[in-house]
Amino acid sequence: MTSDAPAEGMTASKSQLAYEWLRDRIVSHRFTPGYRLVLSQLAAELGVSTVPVREAVRRLEAEGLVTYEKNVGAQVALVDEGEYVTTMQTLAVVEGAATGFSAPLLTNEDVSKAREINQRMRDSLEHFDPRRFTELNEEFHKALFLHCPNEHLIDLVHRGWSRLRMLRSSTFSFVPGRAVESVTEHDELVDLIENKADPIEIELAARRHRTATLDAMLTFQHAHD
């Protein structure tokens, strides 16, 4: 077993551990698009049988992170530029809805936490690290849809984030100027929540916030075509 394989004695099932181990390597790009996932090799590396690895691969296939082709087997899904667009568009809808549902249920403490995270994002702009900024960005949005009562929506948001990580390690690597705008939009979004704005207004603001990042990325791509 490799040193970074899941430790023995953990309460999670072997299948869950295999899933988390594989997923981490895919979204961190250690297993790059097109990388073949040979079950026997992965099982040997993890120190388990092929059964939990196969189950983990099936879960990742359902999330769109892995594809299976006849005579080829399982492999990390190839990057499709069009899929980045559709993933961002879908994420804008489900993340916006989750935020709208959650907003009336957020406490003053929740709002303060969101502002604190956004301030950390603002502070990070001086010595900008796109990946760290992206991590904080996810943490911020999680704080806003924390109380969304629709678990299916939350699942769709996390699936979208997983897919996005594989397609782009960080959009802000390409358009760092968008980070400044994003922090300002976060302030505006929190203001709406704090002022008890209509949940639909909050949902639409969250959706526009996500699509603005997509628009910035598309503008960058067109400029460099």
C-alpha atoms as a PDB file:
ATOM      1  CA  MET A   1       0.000   0.000   0.000  1.00  0.00           C
ATOM      2  CA  THR A   2       1.281   3.477  -0.855  1.00  0.00           C
ATOM      3  CA  SER A   3       1.851   6.005   1.882  1.00  0.00           C
ATOM      4  CA  ASP A   4      -1.056   8.169   0.719  1.00  0.00           C
ATOM      5  CA  ALA A   5      -3.548   5.309   0.449  1.00  0.00           C
ATOM      6  CA  PRO A   6      -6.430   5.298   2.967  1.00  0.00           C
ATOM      7  CA  ALA A   7      -5.290   4.211   6.409  1.00  0.00           C
ATOM      8  CA  GLU A   8      -6.547   0.964   7.900  1.00  0.00           C
ATOM      9  CA  GLY A   9      -9.008   1.077  10.740  1.00  0.00           C
ATOM     10  CA  MET A  10     -11.097   3.932   9.347  1.00  0.00           C
ATOM     11  CA  THR A  11     -14.820   3.489   9.877  1.00  0.00           C
ATOM     12  CA  ALA A  12     -15.820   4.256   6.296  1.00  0.00           C
ATOM     13  CA  SER A  13     -16.305   1.319   3.958  1.00  0.00           C
ATOM     14  CA  LYS A  14     -13.536   0.249   1.614  1.00  0.00           C
ATOM     15  CA  SER A  15     -15.696   1.343  -1.283  1.00  0.00           C
ATOM     16  CA  GLN A  16     -16.084   4.829   0.190  1.00  0.00           C
ATOM     17  CA  LEU A  17     -12.365   5.092   0.855  1.00  0.00           C
ATOM     18  CA  ALA A  18     -11.569   3.959  -2.688  1.00  0.00           C
ATOM     19  CA  TYR A  19     -14.064   6.490  -4.027  1.00  0.00           C
ATOM     20  CA  GLU A  20     -12.542   9.375  -2.050  1.00  0.00           C
ATOM     21  CA  TRP A  21      -8.988   8.337  -2.985  1.00  0.00           C
ATOM     22  CA  LEU A  22      -9.794   8.134  -6.697  1.00  0.00           C
ATOM     23  CA  ARG A  23     -11.901  11.276  -6.734  1.00  0.00           C
ATOM     24  CA  ASP A  24      -9.134  13.281  -5.071  1.00  0.00           C
ATOM     25  CA  ARG A  25      -6.649  12.199  -7.722  1.00  0.00           C
ATOM     26  CA  ILE A  26      -9.023  13.043 -10.545  1.00  0.00           C
ATOM     27  CA  VAL A  27     -10.047  16.523  -9.363  1.00  0.00           C
ATOM     28  CA  SER A  28      -6.445  17.393  -8.417  1.00  0.00           C
ATOM     29  CA  HIS A  29      -5.359  16.311 -11.929  1.00  0.00           C
ATOM     30  CA  ARG A  30      -2.935  13.682 -10.665  1.00  0.00           C
ATOM     31  CA  PHE A  31      -5.035  11.347 -12.805  1.00  0.00           C
ATOM     32  CA  THR A  32      -5.392  13.419 -15.966  1.00  0.00           C
ATOM     33  CA  PRO A  33      -8.188  13.252 -18.591  1.00  0.00           C
ATOM     34  CA  GLY A  34      -7.871  10.015 -20.554  1.00  0.00           C
ATOM     35  CA  TYR A  35      -5.934   8.240 -17.786  1.00  0.00           C
ATOM     36  CA  ARG A  36      -6.877   4.542 -17.783  1.00  0.00           C
ATOM     37  CA  LEU A  37      -8.204   3.200 -14.506  1.00  0.00           C
ATOM     38  CA  VAL A  38      -7.014  -0.398 -14.363  1.00  0.00           C
ATOM     39  CA  LEU A  39      -8.962  -1.957 -11.498  1.00  0.00           C
ATOM     40  CA  SER A  40      -6.358  -4.562 -10.563  1.00  0.00           C
ATOM     41  CA  GLN A  41      -3.576  -1.978 -10.389  1.00  0.00           C
ATOM     42  CA  LEU A  42      -5.661   0.440  -8.333  1.00  0.00           C
ATOM     43  CA  ALA A  43      -6.758  -2.351  -5.993  1.00  0.00           C
ATOM     44  CA  ALA A  44      -3.133  -3.388  -5.467  1.00  0.00           C
ATOM     45  CA  GLU A  45      -2.129   0.189  -4.725  1.00  0.00           C
ATOM     46  CA  LEU A  46      -4.957   0.547  -2.217  1.00  0.00           C
ATOM     47  CA  GLY A  47      -4.446  -2.881  -0.685  1.00  0.00           C
ATOM     48  CA  VAL A  48      -8.032  -3.997  -1.316  1.00  0.00           C
ATOM     49  CA  SER A  49      -9.851  -6.326  -3.703  1.00  0.00           C
ATOM     50  CA  THR A  50     -11.181  -5.082  -7.039  1.00  0.00           C
ATOM     51  CA  VAL A  51     -14.790  -5.129  -5.763  1.00  0.00           C
ATOM     52  CA  PRO A  52     -14.721  -1.832  -3.790  1.00  0.00           C
ATOM     53  CA  VAL A  53     -12.652  -0.209  -6.537  1.00  0.00           C
ATOM     54  CA  ARG A  54     -15.234  -1.226  -9.142  1.00  0.00           C
ATOM     55  CA  GLU A  55     -18.008   0.235  -6.971  1.00  0.00           C
ATOM     56  CA  ALA A  56     -16.044   3.474  -6.575  1.00  0.00           C
ATOM     57  CA  VAL A  57     -15.484   3.726 -10.337  1.00  0.00           C
ATOM     58  CA  ARG A  58     -19.217   3.268 -10.957  1.00  0.00           C
ATOM     59  CA  ARG A  59     -19.990   6.156  -8.589  1.00  0.00           C
ATOM     60  CA  LEU A  60     -17.463   8.356 -10.356  1.00  0.00           C
ATOM     61  CA  GLU A  61     -18.956   7.368 -13.708  1.00  0.00           C
ATOM     62  CA  ALA A  62     -22.387   8.465 -12.452  1.00  0.00           C
ATOM     63  CA  GLU A  63     -20.856  11.847 -11.531  1.00  0.00           C
ATOM     64  CA  GLY A  64     -19.365  12.250 -15.002  1.00  0.00           C
ATOM     65  CA  LEU A  65     -15.761  12.090 -13.791  1.00  0.00           C
ATOM     66  CA  VAL A  66     -15.126   8.689 -15.366  1.00  0.00           C
ATOM     67  CA  THR A  67     -16.227   7.166 -18.664  1.00  0.00           C
ATOM     68  CA  TYR A  68     -16.366   3.516 -19.691  1.00  0.00           C
ATOM     69  CA  GLU A  69     -15.751   2.376 -23.230  1.00  0.00           C
ATOM     70  CA  LYS A  70     -15.904  -1.124 -24.667  1.00  0.00           C
ATOM     71  CA  ASN A  71     -12.439  -2.637 -25.286  1.00  0.00           C
ATOM     72  CA  VAL A  72     -10.872   0.311 -23.444  1.00  0.00           C
ATOM     73  CA  GLY A  73     -12.337   0.117 -19.961  1.00  0.00           C
ATOM     74  CA  ALA A  74     -12.675   2.886 -17.415  1.00  0.00           C
ATOM     75  CA  GLN A  75     -10.787   6.133 -17.882  1.00  0.00           C
ATOM     76  CA  VAL A  76     -10.842   9.655 -16.536  1.00  0.00           C
ATOM     77  CA  ALA A  77     -13.328  11.645 -18.607  1.00  0.00           C
ATOM     78  CA  LEU A  78     -11.843  13.765 -21.362  1.00  0.00           C
ATOM     79  CA  VAL A  79     -12.161  17.534 -21.058  1.00  0.00           C
ATOM     80  CA  ASP A  80     -14.848  19.015 -23.290  1.00  0.00           C
ATOM     81  CA  GLU A  81     -14.775  22.807 -23.565  1.00  0.00           C
ATOM     82  CA  GLY A  82     -18.510  22.820 -24.227  1.00  0.00           C
ATOM     83  CA  GLU A  83     -19.051  20.860 -21.053  1.00  0.00           C
ATOM     84  CA  TYR A  84     -17.370  23.589 -19.026  1.00  0.00           C
ATOM     85  CA  VAL A  85     -20.008  26.003 -20.306  1.00  0.00           C
ATOM     86  CA  THR A  86     -22.958  23.696 -19.623  1.00  0.00           C
ATOM     87  CA  THR A  87     -21.585  22.770 -16.188  1.00  0.00           C
ATOM     88  CA  MET A  88     -21.279  26.436 -15.231  1.00  0.00           C
ATOM     89  CA  GLN A  89     -24.748  27.181 -16.566  1.00  0.00           C
ATOM     90  CA  THR A  90     -26.262  24.279 -14.641  1.00  0.00           C
ATOM     91  CA  LEU A  91     -24.343  25.201 -11.506  1.00  0.00           C
ATOM     92  CA  ALA A  92     -25.629  28.767 -11.723  1.00  0.00           C
ATOM     93  CA  VAL A  93     -29.195  27.461 -11.628  1.00  0.00           C
ATOM     94  CA  VAL A  94     -28.857  24.884  -8.836  1.00  0.00           C
ATOM     95  CA  GLU A  95     -26.462  26.929  -6.687  1.00  0.00           C
ATOM     96  CA  GLY A  96     -28.714  29.970  -7.056  1.00  0.00           C
ATOM     97  CA  ALA A  97     -31.782  27.947  -6.068  1.00  0.00           C
ATOM     98  CA  ALA A  98     -30.021  26.383  -3.081  1.00  0.00           C
ATOM     99  CA  THR A  99     -28.936  29.839  -1.893  1.00  0.00           C
ATOM    100  CA  GLY A 100     -32.449  31.216  -2.319  1.00  0.00           C
ATOM    101  CA  PHE A 101     -33.980  28.388  -0.288  1.00  0.00           C
ATOM    102  CA  SER A 102     -31.352  28.737   2.429  1.00  0.00           C
ATOM    103  CA  ALA A 103     -31.369  32.536   2.746  1.00  0.00           C
ATOM    104  CA  PRO A 104     -34.440  32.957   5.012  1.00  0.00           C
ATOM    105  CA  LEU A 105     -33.044  30.325   7.374  1.00  0.00           C
ATOM    106  CA  LEU A 106     -29.586  31.855   7.822  1.00  0.00           C
ATOM    107  CA  THR A 107     -28.813  33.273  11.259  1.00  0.00           C
ATOM    108  CA  ASN A 108     -26.852  36.410  12.069  1.00  0.00           C
ATOM    109  CA  GLU A 109     -23.953  34.130  12.979  1.00  0.00           C
ATOM    110  CA  ASP A 110     -24.142  32.453   9.557  1.00  0.00           C
ATOM    111  CA  VAL A 111     -24.086  35.829   7.830  1.00  0.00           C
ATOM    112  CA  SER A 112     -21.111  36.952   9.915  1.00  0.00           C
ATOM    113  CA  LYS A 113     -19.247  33.790   8.992  1.00  0.00           C
ATOM    114  CA  ALA A 114     -19.886  34.413   5.290  1.00  0.00           C
ATOM    115  CA  ARG A 115     -18.566  37.966   5.625  1.00  0.00           C
ATOM    116  CA  GLU A 116     -15.477  36.694   7.450  1.00  0.00           C
ATOM    117  CA  ILE A 117     -14.724  34.202   4.677  1.00  0.00           C
ATOM    118  CA  ASN A 118     -15.177  36.884   2.042  1.00  0.00           C
ATOM    119  CA  GLN A 119     -12.797  39.157   3.926  1.00  0.00           C
ATOM    120  CA  ARG A 120     -10.205  36.370   3.823  1.00  0.00           C
ATOM    121  CA  MET A 121     -10.775  36.217   0.086  1.00  0.00           C
ATOM    122  CA  ARG A 122     -10.237  39.966  -0.172  1.00  0.00           C
ATOM    123  CA  ASP A 123      -7.073  39.751   1.925  1.00  0.00           C
ATOM    124  CA  SER A 124      -5.733  37.002  -0.337  1.00  0.00           C
ATOM    125  CA  LEU A 125      -5.896  39.198  -3.438  1.00  0.00           C
ATOM    126  CA  GLU A 126      -2.584  40.899  -2.646  1.00  0.00           C
ATOM    127  CA  HIS A 127      -0.668  37.614  -2.901  1.00  0.00           C
ATOM    128  CA  PHE A 128      -3.043  35.847  -5.222  1.00  0.00           C
ATOM    129  CA  ASP A 129      -3.178  32.039  -5.266  1.00  0.00           C
ATOM    130  CA  PRO A 130      -5.967  30.945  -7.658  1.00  0.00           C
ATOM    131  CA  ARG A 131      -6.450  27.520  -6.117  1.00  0.00           C
ATOM    132  CA  ARG A 132      -6.626  28.858  -2.571  1.00  0.00           C
ATOM    133  CA  PHE A 133      -9.025  31.564  -3.709  1.00  0.00           C
ATOM    134  CA  THR A 134     -11.226  28.887  -5.301  1.00  0.00           C
ATOM    135  CA  GLU A 135     -11.227  26.875  -2.057  1.00  0.00           C
ATOM    136  CA  LEU A 136     -12.333  29.944  -0.114  1.00  0.00           C
ATOM    137  CA  ASN A 137     -14.939  30.673  -2.771  1.00  0.00           C
ATOM    138  CA  GLU A 138     -16.499  27.244  -2.259  1.00  0.00           C
ATOM    139  CA  GLU A 139     -16.362  27.728   1.503  1.00  0.00           C
ATOM    140  CA  PHE A 140     -18.187  31.051   1.122  1.00  0.00           C
ATOM    141  CA  HIS A 141     -20.978  29.624  -0.993  1.00  0.00           C
ATOM    142  CA  LYS A 142     -21.373  26.615   1.300  1.00  0.00           C
ATOM    143  CA  ALA A 143     -21.980  29.063   4.146  1.00  0.00           C
ATOM    144  CA  LEU A 144     -24.813  30.653   2.147  1.00  0.00           C
ATOM    145  CA  PHE A 145     -26.677  27.490   1.148  1.00  0.00           C
ATOM    146  CA  LEU A 146     -25.957  25.797   4.479  1.00  0.00           C
ATOM    147  CA  HIS A 147     -29.619  25.558   5.469  1.00  0.00           C
ATOM    148  CA  CYS A 148     -31.116  24.649   2.105  1.00  0.00           C
ATOM    149  CA  PRO A 149     -33.778  22.041   2.999  1.00  0.00           C
ATOM    150  CA  ASN A 150     -33.626  20.379  -0.421  1.00  0.00           C
ATOM    151  CA  GLU A 151     -30.903  17.734  -0.164  1.00  0.00           C
ATOM    152  CA  HIS A 152     -31.218  16.852  -3.841  1.00  0.00           C
ATOM    153  CA  LEU A 153     -30.293  20.417  -4.799  1.00  0.00           C
ATOM    154  CA  ILE A 154     -27.253  20.309  -2.528  1.00  0.00           C
ATOM    155  CA  ASP A 155     -26.184  17.025  -4.126  1.00  0.00           C
ATOM    156  CA  LEU A 156     -26.467  18.605  -7.586  1.00  0.00           C
ATOM    157  CA  VAL A 157     -24.343  21.568  -6.472  1.00  0.00           C
ATOM    158  CA  HIS A 158     -21.595  19.299  -5.168  1.00  0.00           C
ATOM    159  CA  ARG A 159     -21.701  17.194  -8.330  1.00  0.00           C
ATOM    160  CA  GLY A 160     -21.328  20.377 -10.354  1.00  0.00           C
ATOM    161  CA  TRP A 161     -18.370  21.496  -8.271  1.00  0.00           C
ATOM    162  CA  SER A 162     -16.724  18.080  -8.680  1.00  0.00           C
ATOM    163  CA  ARG A 163     -17.139  18.239 -12.434  1.00  0.00           C
ATOM    164  CA  LEU A 164     -15.875  21.808 -12.531  1.00  0.00           C
ATOM    165  CA  ARG A 165     -12.714  20.937 -10.597  1.00  0.00           C
ATOM    166  CA  MET A 166     -11.843  18.342 -13.198  1.00  0.00           C
ATOM    167  CA  LEU A 167     -12.502  20.678 -16.110  1.00  0.00           C
ATOM    168  CA  ARG A 168     -10.679  23.662 -14.600  1.00  0.00           C
ATOM    169  CA  SER A 169      -8.499  23.570 -11.497  1.00  0.00           C
ATOM    170  CA  SER A 170      -9.433  27.246 -11.094  1.00  0.00           C
ATOM    171  CA  THR A 171     -11.107  29.645 -13.512  1.00  0.00           C
ATOM    172  CA  PHE A 172      -9.358  32.433 -11.607  1.00  0.00           C
ATOM    173  CA  SER A 173      -6.015  31.151 -12.952  1.00  0.00           C
ATOM    174  CA  PHE A 174      -7.125  32.393 -16.376  1.00  0.00           C
ATOM    175  CA  VAL A 175      -9.008  35.520 -15.336  1.00  0.00           C
ATOM    176  CA  PRO A 176      -7.499  36.740 -12.033  1.00  0.00           C
ATOM    177  CA  GLY A 177      -9.226  40.114 -12.475  1.00  0.00           C
ATOM    178  CA  ARG A 178     -12.528  38.321 -12.003  1.00  0.00           C
ATOM    179  CA  ALA A 179     -11.522  37.562  -8.398  1.00  0.00           C
ATOM    180  CA  VAL A 180     -11.782  41.251  -7.430  1.00  0.00           C
ATOM    181  CA  GLU A 181     -15.240  41.501  -8.975  1.00  0.00           C
ATOM    182  CA  SER A 182     -16.291  38.259  -7.312  1.00  0.00           C
ATOM    183  CA  VAL A 183     -15.462  39.521  -3.821  1.00  0.00           C
ATOM    184  CA  THR A 184     -17.513  42.677  -4.425  1.00  0.00           C
ATOM    185  CA  GLU A 185     -20.451  40.601  -5.667  1.00  0.00           C
ATOM    186  CA  HIS A 186     -20.183  38.452  -2.539  1.00  0.00           C
ATOM    187  CA  ASP A 187     -20.628  41.562  -0.412  1.00  0.00           C
ATOM    188  CA  GLU A 188     -23.722  42.497  -2.413  1.00  0.00           C
ATOM    189  CA  LEU A 189     -25.144  38.995  -2.076  1.00  0.00           C
ATOM    190  CA  VAL A 190     -24.649  38.965   1.691  1.00  0.00           C
ATOM    191  CA  ASP A 191     -26.218  42.433   1.920  1.00  0.00           C
ATOM    192  CA  LEU A 192     -29.343  41.090   0.208  1.00  0.00           C
ATOM    193  CA  ILE A 193     -29.538  38.213   2.670  1.00  0.00           C
ATOM    194  CA  GLU A 194     -28.914  40.433   5.690  1.00  0.00           C
ATOM    195  CA  ASN A 195     -31.597  42.876   4.539  1.00  0.00           C
ATOM    196  CA  LYS A 196     -34.142  40.035   4.175  1.00  0.00           C
ATOM    197  CA  ALA A 197     -34.567  40.495   0.436  1.00  0.00           C
ATOM    198  CA  ASP A 198     -37.030  38.280  -1.403  1.00  0.00           C
ATOM    199  CA  PRO A 199     -35.521  34.754  -1.792  1.00  0.00           C
ATOM    200  CA  ILE A 200     -36.166  34.934  -5.550  1.00  0.00           C
ATOM    201  CA  GLU A 201     -34.095  38.125  -5.758  1.00  0.00           C
ATOM    202  CA  ILE A 202     -31.308  36.403  -3.816  1.00  0.00           C
ATOM    203  CA  GLU A 203     -31.510  33.337  -6.054  1.00  0.00           C
ATOM    204  CA  LEU A 204     -31.210  35.441  -9.200  1.00  0.00           C
ATOM    205  CA  ALA A 205     -28.295  37.432  -7.737  1.00  0.00           C
ATOM    206  CA  ALA A 206     -26.452  34.200  -6.940  1.00  0.00           C
ATOM    207  CA  ARG A 207     -27.162  32.931 -10.446  1.00  0.00           C
ATOM    208  CA  ARG A 208     -25.871  36.140 -12.074  1.00  0.00           C
ATOM    209  CA  HIS A 209     -22.760  35.911  -9.908  1.00  0.00           C
ATOM    210  CA  ARG A 210     -21.928  32.456 -11.288  1.00  0.00           C
ATOM    211  CA  THR A 211     -22.709  33.342 -14.906  1.00  0.00           C
ATOM    212  CA  ALA A 212     -20.528  36.460 -14.636  1.00  0.00           C
ATOM    213  CA  THR A 213     -17.555  34.176 -13.992  1.00  0.00           C
ATOM    214  CA  LEU A 214     -18.515  32.104 -17.023  1.00  0.00           C
ATOM    215  CA  ASP A 215     -18.803  35.247 -19.143  1.00  0.00           C
ATOM    216  CA  ALA A 216     -15.340  36.385 -18.003  1.00  0.00           C
ATOM    217  CA  MET A 217     -13.870  33.018 -18.973  1.00  0.00           C
ATOM    218  CA  LEU A 218     -15.556  33.021 -22.395  1.00  0.00           C
ATOM    219  CA  THR A 219     -14.316  36.566 -23.042  1.00  0.00           C
ATOM    220  CA  PHE A 220     -10.777  35.441 -22.187  1.00  0.00           C
ATOM    221  CA  GLN A 221     -11.046  32.428 -24.503  1.00  0.00           C
ATOM    222  CA  HIS A 222     -12.370  34.471 -27.422  1.00  0.00           C
ATOM    223  CA  ALA A 223      -9.571  36.992 -26.979  1.00  0.00           C
ATOM    224  CA  HIS A 224      -6.988  34.206 -27.196  1.00  0.00           C
ATOM    225  CA  ASP A 225      -8.490  32.174 -30.043  1.00  0.00           C
END
